[in-house]
Protein backbone atom coordinates (compact mmCIF):
# COMPACT_ATOMS: atom_id res chain seq x y z
CA MET A 1 -15.58 -16.71 -19.34
CA THR A 2 -14.65 -18.39 -16.16
CA ILE A 3 -15.17 -17.08 -12.73
CA TYR A 4 -11.28 -16.44 -12.41
CA ASP A 5 -11.56 -14.32 -15.62
CA ALA A 6 -14.66 -12.19 -14.10
CA LEU A 7 -12.63 -11.68 -11.01
CA ARG A 8 -9.57 -10.62 -12.99
CA ASN A 9 -11.36 -8.27 -15.40
CA THR A 10 -13.26 -6.65 -12.35
CA HIS A 11 -9.78 -6.44 -10.47
CA ILE A 12 -8.33 -4.56 -13.37
CA GLY A 13 -11.39 -2.37 -13.96
CA ILE A 14 -11.30 -1.33 -10.10
CA GLY A 15 -7.61 -0.85 -10.47
CA ALA A 16 -7.98 1.62 -13.24
CA VAL A 17 -10.47 3.60 -11.16
CA ALA A 18 -8.02 3.60 -8.15
CA LEU A 19 -5.08 4.86 -10.44
CA THR A 20 -7.30 7.37 -11.90
CA SER A 21 -8.50 8.75 -8.58
CA PHE A 22 -5.07 8.84 -7.01
CA TRP A 23 -3.60 11.19 -9.70
CA VAL A 24 -6.87 13.40 -9.54
CA VAL A 25 -6.18 13.54 -5.70
CA ALA A 26 -2.61 14.30 -6.09
CA VAL A 27 -3.34 17.44 -8.42
CA LEU A 28 -6.35 18.93 -6.58
CA ARG A 29 -5.97 21.52 -3.80
CA LYS A 30 -5.56 19.58 -0.51
CA GLY A 31 -8.34 19.82 2.16
CA THR A 32 -11.01 20.61 -0.42
CA ARG A 33 -14.38 19.13 -0.42
CA LEU A 34 -13.65 18.00 -4.00
CA HIS A 35 -10.17 16.52 -2.64
CA ARG A 36 -11.87 14.54 0.17
CA ARG A 37 -14.67 13.11 -2.09
CA VAL A 38 -12.16 11.89 -4.82
CA GLY A 39 -9.89 10.39 -1.89
CA ASP A 40 -12.94 8.31 -0.79
CA VAL A 41 -13.26 7.12 -4.22
CA TYR A 42 -9.78 6.08 -4.18
CA LEU A 43 -9.85 4.35 -0.78
CA LEU A 44 -13.05 2.66 -1.88
CA ALA A 45 -11.36 1.51 -5.10
CA MET A 46 -8.67 0.00 -3.04
CA LEU A 47 -11.07 -1.90 -0.84
CA GLY A 48 -12.58 -3.38 -4.04
CA ILE A 49 -9.15 -4.46 -5.31
CA LEU A 50 -8.61 -6.22 -1.91
CA LEU A 51 -12.06 -7.89 -2.09
CA THR A 52 -11.48 -9.20 -5.53
CA ALA A 53 -7.81 -10.18 -4.89
CA THR A 54 -8.91 -12.56 -2.30
CA PRO A 55 -10.92 -15.05 -4.28
CA MET A 56 -8.43 -14.77 -7.00
CA ALA A 57 -5.84 -16.00 -4.41
CA ALA A 58 -8.29 -18.91 -3.48
CA VAL A 59 -8.55 -19.82 -7.29
CA ALA A 60 -4.75 -19.98 -7.50
CA PHE A 61 -4.52 -22.33 -4.51
CA VAL A 62 -7.20 -24.43 -6.15
CA ARG A 63 -5.44 -24.57 -9.42
CA GLY A 64 -2.33 -25.91 -7.77
CA LYS A 65 -0.23 -22.48 -7.59
CA PRO A 66 0.31 -22.18 -3.90
CA VAL A 67 3.35 -19.73 -4.40
CA PHE A 68 1.32 -16.99 -6.75
CA GLY A 69 -1.60 -17.46 -4.33
CA THR A 70 0.44 -16.72 -1.24
CA PHE A 71 2.10 -13.84 -2.83
CA LEU A 72 -1.17 -12.54 -3.88
CA ILE A 73 -2.55 -12.40 -0.37
CA TYR A 74 0.60 -10.89 0.74
CA LEU A 75 0.32 -8.07 -1.75
CA ALA A 76 -3.41 -7.45 -0.63
CA LEU A 77 -2.32 -7.32 3.05
CA VAL A 78 0.52 -4.75 2.65
CA THR A 79 -1.83 -2.63 0.07
CA GLY A 80 -4.71 -3.04 2.47
CA THR A 81 -2.71 -2.15 5.49
CA ALA A 82 -1.05 1.05 3.83
CA ALA A 83 -4.81 2.09 2.70
CA TRP A 84 -6.05 1.40 6.04
CA LEU A 85 -3.53 3.70 7.80
CA ALA A 86 -4.17 6.80 5.39
CA PHE A 87 -7.90 6.38 6.44
CA ARG A 88 -7.13 5.89 10.06
CA ALA A 89 -4.81 8.86 10.06
CA ILE A 90 -7.60 11.24 8.93
CA ARG A 91 -10.32 9.69 11.30
CA ARG A 92 -8.16 9.64 14.44
CA ARG A 93 -5.92 12.85 13.72
CA GLY A 94 -7.18 14.33 17.14
CA SER A 95 -5.28 11.78 19.18
CA ILE A 96 -2.12 9.74 18.42
CA ASP A 97 -3.18 7.15 21.35
CA SER A 98 -6.48 6.77 19.49
CA TYR A 99 -4.40 6.15 16.07
CA LEU A 100 -2.34 3.54 18.03
CA ALA A 101 -5.33 1.89 19.51
CA MET A 102 -6.49 -1.71 18.72
CA PRO A 103 -5.67 -3.25 16.11
CA TYR A 104 -2.74 -1.07 15.05
CA ARG A 105 0.12 -3.29 16.63
CA PRO A 106 -1.18 -6.69 15.69
CA VAL A 107 -1.63 -5.46 12.12
CA ALA A 108 1.98 -4.37 12.30
CA TRP A 109 3.07 -7.77 13.56
CA LEU A 110 1.00 -9.51 10.93
CA ASN A 111 2.82 -7.59 8.27
CA MET A 112 6.37 -8.44 9.60
CA GLY A 113 5.38 -11.87 10.00
CA ALA A 114 4.00 -12.03 6.19
CA GLY A 115 6.91 -10.40 5.10
CA THR A 116 9.07 -13.07 6.87
CA ALA A 117 7.14 -15.98 5.43
CA VAL A 118 7.16 -14.45 1.72
CA LEU A 119 10.98 -13.94 2.36
CA LEU A 120 11.56 -17.52 3.14
CA LEU A 121 9.04 -18.63 0.42
CA GLY A 122 11.15 -16.64 -2.17
CA ALA A 123 14.53 -18.04 -1.04
CA THR A 124 13.27 -21.56 -0.91
CA GLU A 125 11.67 -21.32 -4.47
CA GLY A 126 14.54 -19.23 -5.97
CA GLN A 127 12.00 -16.28 -6.81
CA LEU A 128 14.20 -13.07 -6.38
CA LEU A 129 10.94 -11.11 -6.91
CA LEU A 130 9.44 -12.30 -3.83
CA VAL A 131 12.55 -11.84 -1.78
CA GLY A 132 12.50 -8.33 -2.84
CA MET A 133 8.86 -7.71 -2.33
CA SER A 134 9.07 -9.15 1.24
CA VAL A 135 10.92 -6.10 2.30
CA ILE A 136 7.78 -4.17 1.93
CA GLY A 137 5.70 -6.06 4.67
CA LEU A 138 9.20 -6.13 7.04
CA LEU A 139 9.59 -2.45 6.79
CA LEU A 140 5.94 -1.46 6.99
CA GLY A 141 5.55 -3.50 10.18
CA TYR A 142 8.79 -2.32 11.60
CA ARG A 143 8.02 1.48 10.80
CA MET A 144 4.51 1.07 12.53
CA LEU A 145 5.82 -0.47 15.55
CA SER A 146 8.66 2.26 15.62
CA PHE A 147 6.02 5.07 15.41
CA GLY A 148 4.16 3.48 18.09
CA ALA A 149 7.13 3.25 20.42
CA GLN A 150 7.85 7.01 19.97
CA GLY A 151 6.96 9.32 23.10
CA GLY A 152 5.92 12.34 20.82
CA ALA A 153 5.56 13.43 17.19
CA ASP A 154 5.30 16.62 15.54
CA ARG A 155 1.69 18.11 14.87
CA ASN A 156 1.80 17.04 11.48
CA TRP A 157 2.26 13.41 12.39
CA TRP A 158 -1.27 12.33 10.95
CA LEU A 159 -0.65 14.31 7.76
CA LYS A 160 2.59 12.17 7.09
CA ARG A 161 0.74 9.00 8.17
CA HIS A 162 -1.99 9.86 5.49
CA TYR A 163 0.10 10.65 2.47
CA THR A 164 2.55 7.76 3.21
CA GLY A 165 -0.48 5.44 3.27
CA ILE A 166 -1.99 6.84 0.17
CA ILE A 167 1.23 6.89 -1.85
CA GLY A 168 2.18 3.40 -0.58
CA SER A 169 -0.80 1.80 -1.47
CA SER A 170 -0.94 3.41 -4.89
CA ALA A 171 2.15 1.54 -5.83
CA ALA A 172 0.11 -1.59 -6.05
CA ALA A 173 -2.10 0.10 -8.78
CA HIS A 174 1.00 1.55 -10.68
CA ILE A 175 2.73 -1.97 -10.53
CA ALA A 176 -0.30 -3.53 -12.12
CA PHE A 177 -0.68 -1.03 -14.96
CA LEU A 178 2.90 -1.17 -15.92
CA ASN A 179 2.83 -5.07 -15.91
CA LEU A 180 -0.27 -5.30 -18.03
CA GLY A 181 0.35 -2.03 -20.27
CA MET A 182 4.06 -2.70 -21.08
CA ARG A 183 3.26 -6.34 -21.95
CA HIS A 184 1.54 -5.19 -24.83
CA LEU A 185 3.69 -2.04 -25.74
CA MET A 186 6.85 -3.80 -26.28
CA PRO A 187 8.35 -7.13 -27.57
CA ALA A 188 7.86 -9.89 -25.03
CA SER A 189 11.77 -10.34 -24.73
CA LEU A 190 12.24 -6.88 -23.70
CA PHE A 191 9.43 -6.91 -21.24
CA GLU A 192 10.97 -9.90 -19.59
CA THR A 193 14.28 -8.13 -19.47
CA LEU A 194 12.90 -5.14 -17.66
CA VAL A 195 10.31 -7.10 -15.55
CA TYR A 196 11.98 -6.19 -12.16
CA LEU A 197 11.62 -2.27 -13.21
CA TRP A 198 7.88 -2.83 -13.64
CA TRP A 199 7.76 -4.42 -10.08
CA PHE A 200 10.29 -2.41 -8.11
CA GLY A 201 10.05 0.95 -9.98
CA PRO A 202 6.78 2.23 -8.32
CA VAL A 203 8.14 1.16 -4.97
CA LEU A 204 11.07 2.96 -5.30
CA VAL A 205 9.22 6.07 -6.72
CA SER A 206 6.91 5.98 -3.86
CA ALA A 207 9.48 5.88 -1.32
CA ALA A 208 11.21 8.67 -2.79
CA ALA A 209 8.15 10.85 -2.71
CA VAL A 210 7.54 9.94 0.91
CA ILE A 211 11.01 10.87 1.64
CA TYR A 212 10.69 14.17 -0.02
CA LEU A 213 7.53 15.07 1.35
CA ASN A 214 8.81 14.01 4.87
CA ARG A 215 11.48 16.41 4.69
CA ARG A 216 9.14 19.33 3.39
CA PHE A 217 7.10 18.79 6.34
CA THR A 218 9.65 18.19 9.04
CA GLY A 219 10.36 20.83 11.87
CA VAL A 220 7.35 23.04 10.79
CA ALA A 221 5.28 22.54 13.97
CA ARG A 222 6.25 21.95 17.63
CA LEU A 223 6.34 18.20 19.03
CA VAL A 224 3.41 17.05 20.81
CA LYS A 225 3.12 14.31 23.57
CA ARG A 226 1.18 11.15 22.70
CA SER A 227 -1.30 12.05 25.20
CA ASP A 228 -1.96 15.57 23.78
CA GLU A 229 -5.10 16.08 22.01
CA LEU A 230 -4.66 17.48 18.43
CA PRO A 231 -7.13 19.60 16.58
CA ALA A 232 -9.53 17.83 14.24
């Protein structure tokens, strides 16, 4: 077994933990001790995914696969940003200003820059997958900056940022599961025909879930200014 094989197998194993803990968190009663503990497991698993993805990307570059290596780093960035925002929203829910403190804006610009780079790379290489996935980084960075520019938000702002980050980061685990699982459950020709479904399906479902939850929690609490302190 090569070093890359060991990294990949570890990456897949941690991904399975992330996927399982995500759905456990989803069905548990929110705010309970168990919910928080399993949520910690999910975030730690996402950290493990990022830590294994980085050397995998390095190996890709060494093997002469710069496009795949760049794409892997990009996916690690947007997934890591979403998970970080979910964690940050909980830890800093008492103050919007604290949530928006450094390095919030640099991270937002980094995602926009990475999305732009992947868009140009996809267009240059004729890779529709890269072009489509570049939208994630662009939108993520834009929404971060847009939220930071608002003069106020409703009192559930931290909850919205939290579940958006959790759902968004989970898309990566679902994409990996579908690409690995479906490859062995159907003929190769059919898998290749539906390959974009395995990549973009989880992203679209995650976006729909966030839109639904945002509508559910919109307008249920009064607006607060950024300078206001929110209850922890």
